[in-house]
Amino acid sequence: MPQYKVLVAPLQKACTDTTKGLYWHYKKIVARLQTACSSTTKGIVQTGCL
């Protein structure tokens, strides 16, 4: 993940305010999806192990 941040940081600085806003909005959506998937995956794994 640190490598990703190193690549993204210069791009964010080069972006306009609007693009930055869109990026962070997108990032929030992705974070929510990842959380939902993690919870679902945990449930499947726990059910499979029982």
N, C-alpha and C. Protein backbone atom coordinates (compact mmCIF):
# COMPACT_ATOMS: atom_id res chain seq x y z
N MET A 1 0.81 -1.21 0.00
CA MET A 1 0.00 0.00 0.00
C MET A 1 0.85 1.27 0.00
N PRO A 2 1.99 1.31 0.73
CA PRO A 2 2.80 2.53 0.70
C PRO A 2 3.24 2.92 -0.71
N GLN A 3 3.54 1.94 -1.56
CA GLN A 3 3.94 2.24 -2.93
C GLN A 3 2.80 2.95 -3.66
N TYR A 4 1.59 2.51 -3.42
CA TYR A 4 0.41 3.12 -4.03
C TYR A 4 0.32 4.59 -3.64
N LYS A 5 0.52 4.88 -2.34
CA LYS A 5 0.44 6.25 -1.86
C LYS A 5 1.53 7.11 -2.49
N VAL A 6 2.71 6.55 -2.68
CA VAL A 6 3.81 7.29 -3.30
C VAL A 6 3.44 7.69 -4.73
N LEU A 7 2.75 6.82 -5.43
CA LEU A 7 2.34 7.11 -6.81
C LEU A 7 1.17 8.08 -6.87
N VAL A 8 0.24 7.95 -5.94
CA VAL A 8 -0.98 8.76 -5.98
C VAL A 8 -0.73 10.20 -5.52
N ALA A 9 0.13 10.39 -4.54
CA ALA A 9 0.36 11.73 -3.99
C ALA A 9 0.73 12.77 -5.05
N PRO A 10 1.71 12.50 -5.93
CA PRO A 10 2.03 13.50 -6.96
C PRO A 10 0.87 13.76 -7.92
N LEU A 11 0.11 12.72 -8.21
CA LEU A 11 -1.04 12.89 -9.11
C LEU A 11 -2.10 13.78 -8.47
N GLN A 12 -2.34 13.58 -7.19
CA GLN A 12 -3.33 14.40 -6.48
C GLN A 12 -2.92 15.86 -6.48
N LYS A 13 -1.63 16.13 -6.27
CA LYS A 13 -1.15 17.51 -6.26
C LYS A 13 -1.35 18.17 -7.61
N ALA A 14 -1.26 17.39 -8.68
CA ALA A 14 -1.40 17.92 -10.03
C ALA A 14 -2.87 18.12 -10.42
N CYS A 15 -3.76 17.48 -9.72
CA CYS A 15 -5.19 17.55 -10.07
C CYS A 15 -5.81 18.89 -9.67
N THR A 16 -6.92 19.21 -10.31
CA THR A 16 -7.69 20.39 -9.93
C THR A 16 -8.50 20.07 -8.68
N ASP A 17 -9.04 21.09 -8.04
CA ASP A 17 -9.86 20.87 -6.84
C ASP A 17 -11.05 19.98 -7.15
N THR A 18 -11.67 20.15 -8.30
CA THR A 18 -12.82 19.33 -8.67
C THR A 18 -12.43 17.87 -8.78
N THR A 19 -11.33 17.62 -9.44
CA THR A 19 -10.88 16.24 -9.62
C THR A 19 -10.52 15.62 -8.28
N LYS A 20 -9.90 16.40 -7.41
CA LYS A 20 -9.57 15.90 -6.07
C LYS A 20 -10.84 15.51 -5.33
N GLY A 21 -11.87 16.36 -5.45
CA GLY A 21 -13.14 16.06 -4.81
C GLY A 21 -13.76 14.78 -5.33
N LEU A 22 -13.69 14.59 -6.63
CA LEU A 22 -14.23 13.36 -7.22
C LEU A 22 -13.44 12.15 -6.77
N TYR A 23 -12.12 12.29 -6.70
CA TYR A 23 -11.27 11.17 -6.27
C TYR A 23 -11.62 10.74 -4.86
N TRP A 24 -11.75 11.71 -3.95
CA TRP A 24 -12.04 11.37 -2.56
C TRP A 24 -13.45 10.78 -2.42
N HIS A 25 -14.39 11.26 -3.22
CA HIS A 25 -15.73 10.69 -3.21
C HIS A 25 -15.67 9.24 -3.65
N TYR A 26 -14.93 8.98 -4.72
CA TYR A 26 -14.75 7.62 -5.24
C TYR A 26 -14.08 6.75 -4.18
N LYS A 27 -13.08 7.30 -3.51
CA LYS A 27 -12.35 6.53 -2.50
C LYS A 27 -13.28 6.13 -1.36
N LYS A 28 -14.19 7.03 -0.96
CA LYS A 28 -15.15 6.71 0.10
C LYS A 28 -16.05 5.55 -0.32
N ILE A 29 -16.53 5.59 -1.56
CA ILE A 29 -17.40 4.52 -2.06
C ILE A 29 -16.65 3.19 -2.07
N VAL A 30 -15.41 3.21 -2.55
CA VAL A 30 -14.61 1.99 -2.61
C VAL A 30 -14.37 1.45 -1.20
N ALA A 31 -14.09 2.34 -0.24
CA ALA A 31 -13.85 1.91 1.14
C ALA A 31 -15.09 1.22 1.71
N ARG A 32 -16.27 1.77 1.42
CA ARG A 32 -17.51 1.16 1.90
C ARG A 32 -17.72 -0.22 1.28
N LEU A 33 -17.44 -0.33 -0.02
CA LEU A 33 -17.58 -1.62 -0.69
C LEU A 33 -16.61 -2.64 -0.11
N GLN A 34 -15.38 -2.22 0.15
CA GLN A 34 -14.39 -3.13 0.72
C GLN A 34 -14.81 -3.60 2.10
N THR A 35 -15.37 -2.70 2.89
CA THR A 35 -15.84 -3.05 4.23
C THR A 35 -16.99 -4.05 4.13
N ALA A 36 -17.92 -3.80 3.23
CA ALA A 36 -19.06 -4.70 3.05
C ALA A 36 -18.58 -6.08 2.59
N CYS A 37 -17.64 -6.09 1.66
CA CYS A 37 -17.12 -7.36 1.17
C CYS A 37 -16.38 -8.10 2.26
N SER A 38 -15.62 -7.38 3.07
CA SER A 38 -14.88 -8.01 4.16
C SER A 38 -15.84 -8.67 5.15
N SER A 39 -16.91 -7.97 5.50
CA SER A 39 -17.89 -8.52 6.44
C SER A 39 -18.55 -9.76 5.86
N THR A 40 -18.93 -9.70 4.59
CA THR A 40 -19.56 -10.84 3.93
C THR A 40 -18.60 -12.00 3.85
N THR A 41 -17.37 -11.72 3.46
CA THR A 41 -16.37 -12.78 3.33
C THR A 41 -16.10 -13.42 4.68
N LYS A 42 -16.01 -12.62 5.74
CA LYS A 42 -15.80 -13.17 7.08
C LYS A 42 -16.93 -14.11 7.45
N GLY A 43 -18.17 -13.71 7.14
CA GLY A 43 -19.32 -14.55 7.45
C GLY A 43 -19.28 -15.87 6.71
N ILE A 44 -18.88 -15.83 5.44
CA ILE A 44 -18.80 -17.04 4.64
C ILE A 44 -17.72 -17.96 5.18
N VAL A 45 -16.57 -17.38 5.52
CA VAL A 45 -15.45 -18.18 6.03
C VAL A 45 -15.82 -18.80 7.37
N GLN A 46 -16.44 -18.02 8.26
CA GLN A 46 -16.82 -18.54 9.57
C GLN A 46 -17.87 -19.63 9.43
N THR A 47 -18.84 -19.45 8.54
CA THR A 47 -19.87 -20.46 8.32
C THR A 47 -19.26 -21.73 7.76
N GLY A 48 -18.32 -21.57 6.84
CA GLY A 48 -17.66 -22.72 6.22
C GLY A 48 -16.82 -23.51 7.20
N CYS A 49 -16.30 -22.83 8.22
CA CYS A 49 -15.43 -23.49 9.19
C CYS A 49 -16.21 -24.21 10.28
N LEU A 50 -17.47 -23.85 10.45
CA LEU A 50 -18.26 -24.46 11.52
C LEU A 50 -18.75 -25.83 11.17
